[in-house]
Amino acid sequence: MRSLILIRLDPAAAPEGGPDDQLMKDMNELIEEMTKAGVLLDTAGLRPLEEGTRIRQAGGTQTVIDGPFTESKEIVGGYCLLQTRTNEEAVEWARRFLRVHGPEWEIGVEVRQLDGEG
């Protein structure tokens, strides 16, 4: 089964300066382990919210809004696409991802199974 892990965070609550060298080292080790285990299909961080565009449709009319989005208190900052045997396995990898960040990060993930085969 394939699962998409959406990485959610409040940019205002992120440590100043973003990820430090130790976090990047630990994250690279986890990514390498996930790759060797054959579960990591893809992962990436997303560009800053200021560079994003939202498109909404209501009543057949589309509205295009360029960032930054002042009402955003929580954003999707990145994703991981996993191939696992069970949802529980995907959840455990997501928990390990969160543990790497340590207590200074206020961060969460959403694990969602993809429909269909890949």
N, C-alpha and C. Protein backbone atom coordinates (compact mmCIF):
# COMPACT_ATOMS: atom_id res chain seq x y z
N MET A 1 0.83 -1.18 0.00
CA MET A 1 0.00 0.00 0.00
C MET A 1 0.88 1.24 0.00
N ARG A 2 0.38 2.28 -0.64
CA ARG A 2 1.11 3.54 -0.67
C ARG A 2 0.42 4.53 0.27
N SER A 3 1.23 5.29 0.99
CA SER A 3 0.71 6.30 1.91
C SER A 3 1.45 7.61 1.68
N LEU A 4 0.70 8.69 1.80
CA LEU A 4 1.27 10.01 1.71
C LEU A 4 1.31 10.59 3.12
N ILE A 5 2.48 10.98 3.55
CA ILE A 5 2.63 11.62 4.85
C ILE A 5 2.76 13.12 4.59
N LEU A 6 1.78 13.88 5.06
CA LEU A 6 1.80 15.33 4.93
C LEU A 6 2.40 15.90 6.21
N ILE A 7 3.43 16.69 6.06
CA ILE A 7 4.14 17.26 7.20
C ILE A 7 3.58 18.65 7.46
N ARG A 8 2.97 18.83 8.61
CA ARG A 8 2.29 20.08 8.94
C ARG A 8 3.02 20.79 10.06
N LEU A 9 3.13 22.12 9.91
CA LEU A 9 3.75 22.91 10.96
C LEU A 9 3.25 24.33 10.93
N ASP A 10 3.44 25.01 12.04
CA ASP A 10 3.13 26.44 12.15
C ASP A 10 4.45 27.17 11.94
N PRO A 11 4.60 27.89 10.83
CA PRO A 11 5.87 28.56 10.56
C PRO A 11 6.30 29.50 11.68
N ALA A 12 5.33 30.11 12.38
CA ALA A 12 5.66 31.03 13.46
C ALA A 12 6.24 30.30 14.67
N ALA A 13 5.97 29.00 14.80
CA ALA A 13 6.45 28.22 15.94
C ALA A 13 7.73 27.43 15.62
N ALA A 14 8.19 27.50 14.38
CA ALA A 14 9.41 26.78 14.00
C ALA A 14 10.62 27.46 14.61
N PRO A 15 11.65 26.68 14.97
CA PRO A 15 12.86 27.28 15.52
C PRO A 15 13.46 28.30 14.54
N GLU A 16 13.94 29.40 15.09
CA GLU A 16 14.54 30.44 14.25
C GLU A 16 15.72 29.86 13.49
N GLY A 17 15.79 30.16 12.21
CA GLY A 17 16.87 29.65 11.39
C GLY A 17 16.56 28.30 10.76
N GLY A 18 15.42 27.70 11.13
CA GLY A 18 15.03 26.41 10.55
C GLY A 18 15.84 25.25 11.09
N PRO A 19 15.92 24.17 10.33
CA PRO A 19 16.62 22.97 10.78
C PRO A 19 18.11 23.24 11.01
N ASP A 20 18.65 22.71 12.11
CA ASP A 20 20.08 22.87 12.35
C ASP A 20 20.85 21.71 11.72
N ASP A 21 22.17 21.74 11.81
CA ASP A 21 23.02 20.72 11.18
C ASP A 21 22.74 19.33 11.72
N GLN A 22 22.49 19.22 13.04
CA GLN A 22 22.23 17.91 13.63
C GLN A 22 20.93 17.32 13.11
N LEU A 23 19.89 18.15 13.00
CA LEU A 23 18.63 17.67 12.46
C LEU A 23 18.80 17.21 11.02
N MET A 24 19.53 17.96 10.23
CA MET A 24 19.74 17.57 8.84
C MET A 24 20.51 16.24 8.76
N LYS A 25 21.50 16.05 9.62
CA LYS A 25 22.25 14.80 9.65
C LYS A 25 21.33 13.64 10.03
N ASP A 26 20.55 13.84 11.10
CA ASP A 26 19.63 12.79 11.55
C ASP A 26 18.57 12.48 10.49
N MET A 27 18.08 13.52 9.82
CA MET A 27 17.06 13.33 8.79
C MET A 27 17.65 12.56 7.60
N ASN A 28 18.87 12.90 7.20
CA ASN A 28 19.51 12.17 6.10
C ASN A 28 19.72 10.71 6.45
N GLU A 29 20.07 10.41 7.71
CA GLU A 29 20.23 9.02 8.14
C GLU A 29 18.90 8.27 8.08
N LEU A 30 17.81 8.92 8.53
CA LEU A 30 16.50 8.30 8.48
C LEU A 30 16.07 8.07 7.03
N ILE A 31 16.29 9.04 6.17
CA ILE A 31 15.94 8.89 4.75
C ILE A 31 16.72 7.75 4.12
N GLU A 32 17.99 7.63 4.47
CA GLU A 32 18.81 6.53 3.96
C GLU A 32 18.27 5.19 4.45
N GLU A 33 17.90 5.13 5.72
CA GLU A 33 17.33 3.89 6.26
C GLU A 33 16.01 3.53 5.57
N MET A 34 15.16 4.53 5.35
CA MET A 34 13.89 4.28 4.67
C MET A 34 14.11 3.82 3.24
N THR A 35 15.10 4.39 2.59
CA THR A 35 15.42 4.01 1.21
C THR A 35 15.92 2.56 1.17
N LYS A 36 16.84 2.21 2.07
CA LYS A 36 17.36 0.84 2.12
C LYS A 36 16.27 -0.17 2.46
N ALA A 37 15.30 0.24 3.28
CA ALA A 37 14.19 -0.64 3.64
C ALA A 37 13.19 -0.78 2.50
N GLY A 38 13.33 0.05 1.47
CA GLY A 38 12.44 -0.03 0.31
C GLY A 38 11.08 0.60 0.52
N VAL A 39 10.93 1.45 1.56
CA VAL A 39 9.62 2.04 1.81
C VAL A 39 9.49 3.47 1.28
N LEU A 40 10.59 4.16 1.10
CA LEU A 40 10.53 5.56 0.67
C LEU A 40 10.48 5.65 -0.85
N LEU A 41 9.38 6.16 -1.38
CA LEU A 41 9.23 6.35 -2.82
C LEU A 41 9.65 7.75 -3.23
N ASP A 42 9.35 8.75 -2.37
CA ASP A 42 9.70 10.13 -2.69
C ASP A 42 9.52 10.97 -1.43
N THR A 43 10.28 12.04 -1.32
CA THR A 43 10.12 12.98 -0.22
C THR A 43 10.69 14.32 -0.63
N ALA A 44 10.12 15.39 -0.09
CA ALA A 44 10.63 16.73 -0.36
C ALA A 44 9.99 17.72 0.59
N GLY A 45 10.71 18.78 0.85
CA GLY A 45 10.13 19.93 1.52
C GLY A 45 9.48 20.81 0.46
N LEU A 46 8.58 21.66 0.88
CA LEU A 46 7.92 22.56 -0.05
C LEU A 46 8.52 23.96 0.06
N ARG A 47 8.50 24.68 -1.03
CA ARG A 47 9.00 26.05 -1.07
C ARG A 47 8.17 26.91 -0.12
N PRO A 48 8.67 28.07 0.27
CA PRO A 48 7.95 28.93 1.22
C PRO A 48 6.55 29.29 0.75
N LEU A 49 5.69 29.46 1.72
CA LEU A 49 4.29 29.79 1.47
C LEU A 49 4.14 31.06 0.62
N GLU A 50 5.07 31.99 0.77
CA GLU A 50 5.02 33.23 0.01
C GLU A 50 5.08 32.98 -1.49
N GLU A 51 5.65 31.85 -1.89
CA GLU A 51 5.80 31.53 -3.31
C GLU A 51 4.64 30.70 -3.85
N GLY A 52 3.67 30.38 -3.00
CA GLY A 52 2.57 29.52 -3.40
C GLY A 52 1.42 30.27 -4.03
N THR A 53 0.53 29.52 -4.64
CA THR A 53 -0.70 30.05 -5.23
C THR A 53 -1.84 29.12 -4.82
N ARG A 54 -2.94 29.70 -4.41
CA ARG A 54 -4.15 28.94 -4.10
C ARG A 54 -5.20 29.26 -5.15
N ILE A 55 -5.90 28.24 -5.56
CA ILE A 55 -6.98 28.41 -6.52
C ILE A 55 -8.23 27.80 -5.88
N ARG A 56 -9.26 28.62 -5.75
CA ARG A 56 -10.51 28.16 -5.15
C ARG A 56 -11.61 28.26 -6.19
N GLN A 57 -12.55 27.31 -6.08
CA GLN A 57 -13.69 27.34 -6.99
C GLN A 57 -14.96 27.27 -6.16
N ALA A 58 -15.87 28.17 -6.42
CA ALA A 58 -17.19 28.19 -5.77
C ALA A 58 -18.20 28.66 -6.79
N GLY A 59 -19.28 27.92 -6.90
CA GLY A 59 -20.32 28.31 -7.85
C GLY A 59 -19.83 28.37 -9.28
N GLY A 60 -18.81 27.58 -9.60
CA GLY A 60 -18.28 27.55 -10.96
C GLY A 60 -17.29 28.66 -11.26
N THR A 61 -17.03 29.54 -10.31
CA THR A 61 -16.09 30.64 -10.50
C THR A 61 -14.80 30.35 -9.76
N GLN A 62 -13.69 30.52 -10.45
CA GLN A 62 -12.39 30.29 -9.84
C GLN A 62 -11.76 31.61 -9.42
N THR A 63 -11.09 31.56 -8.26
CA THR A 63 -10.35 32.70 -7.75
C THR A 63 -8.92 32.25 -7.52
N VAL A 64 -7.97 33.02 -8.05
CA VAL A 64 -6.54 32.71 -7.89
C VAL A 64 -5.96 33.70 -6.89
N ILE A 65 -5.31 33.16 -5.84
CA ILE A 65 -4.73 34.00 -4.79
C ILE A 65 -3.25 33.63 -4.66
N ASP A 66 -2.39 34.62 -4.85
CA ASP A 66 -0.95 34.40 -4.67
C ASP A 66 -0.58 34.62 -3.21
N GLY A 67 0.42 33.84 -2.75
CA GLY A 67 0.91 33.97 -1.38
C GLY A 67 1.59 35.30 -1.18
N PRO A 68 1.85 35.69 0.03
CA PRO A 68 1.63 34.90 1.25
C PRO A 68 0.17 34.90 1.66
N PHE A 69 -0.19 33.90 2.46
CA PHE A 69 -1.56 33.73 2.92
C PHE A 69 -1.58 34.03 4.41
N THR A 70 -2.03 35.21 4.76
CA THR A 70 -1.93 35.67 6.14
C THR A 70 -2.74 34.84 7.12
N GLU A 71 -3.79 34.18 6.65
CA GLU A 71 -4.64 33.42 7.56
C GLU A 71 -4.06 32.04 7.89
N SER A 72 -2.95 31.67 7.32
CA SER A 72 -2.39 30.34 7.51
C SER A 72 -1.63 30.24 8.83
N LYS A 73 -2.17 29.45 9.75
CA LYS A 73 -1.50 29.19 11.01
C LYS A 73 -0.78 27.85 10.96
N GLU A 74 -1.22 26.98 10.07
CA GLU A 74 -0.59 25.68 9.90
C GLU A 74 -0.49 25.43 8.40
N ILE A 75 0.69 25.01 7.97
CA ILE A 75 0.89 24.77 6.54
C ILE A 75 1.44 23.36 6.33
N VAL A 76 1.30 22.87 5.12
CA VAL A 76 1.98 21.64 4.72
C VAL A 76 3.37 22.07 4.28
N GLY A 77 4.38 21.62 5.01
CA GLY A 77 5.75 22.03 4.73
C GLY A 77 6.53 21.03 3.91
N GLY A 78 5.98 19.83 3.73
CA GLY A 78 6.67 18.80 2.96
C GLY A 78 5.84 17.53 2.95
N TYR A 79 6.41 16.50 2.34
CA TYR A 79 5.68 15.23 2.23
C TYR A 79 6.68 14.08 2.13
N CYS A 80 6.18 12.89 2.42
CA CYS A 80 6.89 11.63 2.14
C CYS A 80 5.88 10.70 1.50
N LEU A 81 6.28 10.03 0.45
CA LEU A 81 5.45 9.02 -0.18
C LEU A 81 6.07 7.68 0.14
N LEU A 82 5.31 6.83 0.84
CA LEU A 82 5.83 5.54 1.31
C LEU A 82 5.10 4.37 0.67
N GLN A 83 5.80 3.27 0.56
CA GLN A 83 5.22 1.98 0.14
C GLN A 83 5.45 1.04 1.31
N THR A 84 4.37 0.68 2.01
CA THR A 84 4.48 -0.19 3.18
C THR A 84 3.50 -1.35 3.07
N ARG A 85 3.69 -2.32 3.94
CA ARG A 85 2.77 -3.47 3.94
C ARG A 85 1.46 -3.14 4.65
N THR A 86 1.53 -2.27 5.67
CA THR A 86 0.35 -1.95 6.47
C THR A 86 0.32 -0.46 6.80
N ASN A 87 -0.85 0.00 7.21
CA ASN A 87 -0.97 1.37 7.68
C ASN A 87 -0.15 1.57 8.96
N GLU A 88 -0.12 0.56 9.81
CA GLU A 88 0.64 0.66 11.05
C GLU A 88 2.13 0.89 10.78
N GLU A 89 2.65 0.25 9.74
CA GLU A 89 4.05 0.46 9.38
C GLU A 89 4.28 1.90 8.91
N ALA A 90 3.36 2.42 8.11
CA ALA A 90 3.48 3.82 7.66
C ALA A 90 3.43 4.77 8.85
N VAL A 91 2.54 4.50 9.80
CA VAL A 91 2.42 5.33 11.00
C VAL A 91 3.72 5.28 11.81
N GLU A 92 4.33 4.12 11.92
CA GLU A 92 5.58 4.01 12.68
C GLU A 92 6.71 4.80 12.01
N TRP A 93 6.81 4.75 10.70
CA TRP A 93 7.82 5.56 10.01
C TRP A 93 7.55 7.05 10.24
N ALA A 94 6.28 7.45 10.21
CA ALA A 94 5.92 8.85 10.46
C ALA A 94 6.29 9.26 11.88
N ARG A 95 6.08 8.38 12.84
CA ARG A 95 6.45 8.68 14.23
C ARG A 95 7.97 8.85 14.36
N ARG A 96 8.71 8.02 13.66
CA ARG A 96 10.17 8.14 13.69
C ARG A 96 10.61 9.47 13.09
N PHE A 97 9.95 9.88 12.02
CA PHE A 97 10.23 11.18 11.40
C PHE A 97 10.04 12.31 12.42
N LEU A 98 8.94 12.26 13.16
CA LEU A 98 8.68 13.29 14.16
C LEU A 98 9.71 13.28 15.28
N ARG A 99 10.10 12.09 15.74
CA ARG A 99 11.08 11.99 16.84
C ARG A 99 12.41 12.62 16.47
N VAL A 100 12.80 12.54 15.21
CA VAL A 100 14.07 13.12 14.76
C VAL A 100 14.09 14.63 15.03
N HIS A 101 12.94 15.27 15.00
CA HIS A 101 12.87 16.72 15.13
C HIS A 101 13.11 17.22 16.55
N GLY A 102 12.91 16.41 17.54
CA GLY A 102 13.19 16.85 18.90
C GLY A 102 12.12 17.78 19.45
N PRO A 103 12.28 18.13 20.73
CA PRO A 103 11.23 18.87 21.44
C PRO A 103 11.10 20.34 21.04
N GLU A 104 12.09 20.89 20.36
CA GLU A 104 12.01 22.31 20.00
C GLU A 104 11.08 22.56 18.81
N TRP A 105 10.65 21.52 18.14
CA TRP A 105 9.77 21.66 16.97
C TRP A 105 8.33 21.35 17.36
N GLU A 106 7.40 22.21 16.94
CA GLU A 106 5.98 21.92 17.01
C GLU A 106 5.58 21.51 15.60
N ILE A 107 5.42 20.20 15.41
CA ILE A 107 5.24 19.66 14.08
C ILE A 107 4.32 18.45 14.17
N GLY A 108 3.56 18.22 13.13
CA GLY A 108 2.69 17.07 13.08
C GLY A 108 2.66 16.50 11.68
N VAL A 109 2.15 15.31 11.57
CA VAL A 109 2.01 14.68 10.26
C VAL A 109 0.61 14.10 10.14
N GLU A 110 0.20 13.96 8.91
CA GLU A 110 -1.06 13.29 8.59
C GLU A 110 -0.69 12.15 7.65
N VAL A 111 -1.08 10.93 8.01
CA VAL A 111 -0.79 9.75 7.19
C VAL A 111 -2.07 9.39 6.46
N ARG A 112 -2.00 9.41 5.12
CA ARG A 112 -3.18 9.12 4.31
C ARG A 112 -2.84 8.07 3.26
N GLN A 113 -3.61 7.01 3.24
CA GLN A 113 -3.43 5.95 2.24
C GLN A 113 -3.93 6.44 0.89
N LEU A 114 -3.19 6.15 -0.16
CA LEU A 114 -3.60 6.51 -1.52
C LEU A 114 -4.55 5.45 -2.07
N ASP A 115 -5.54 5.88 -2.81
CA ASP A 115 -6.45 4.95 -3.49
C ASP A 115 -5.76 4.38 -4.70
N GLY A 116 -6.11 3.18 -5.06
CA GLY A 116 -5.60 2.58 -6.29
C GLY A 116 -4.18 2.07 -6.16
N GLU A 117 -3.74 1.45 -7.20
CA GLU A 117 -2.39 0.92 -7.29
C GLU A 117 -1.47 2.01 -7.82
N GLY A 118 -0.20 1.81 -7.74
CA GLY A 118 0.70 2.87 -8.20
C GLY A 118 1.55 2.51 -9.32
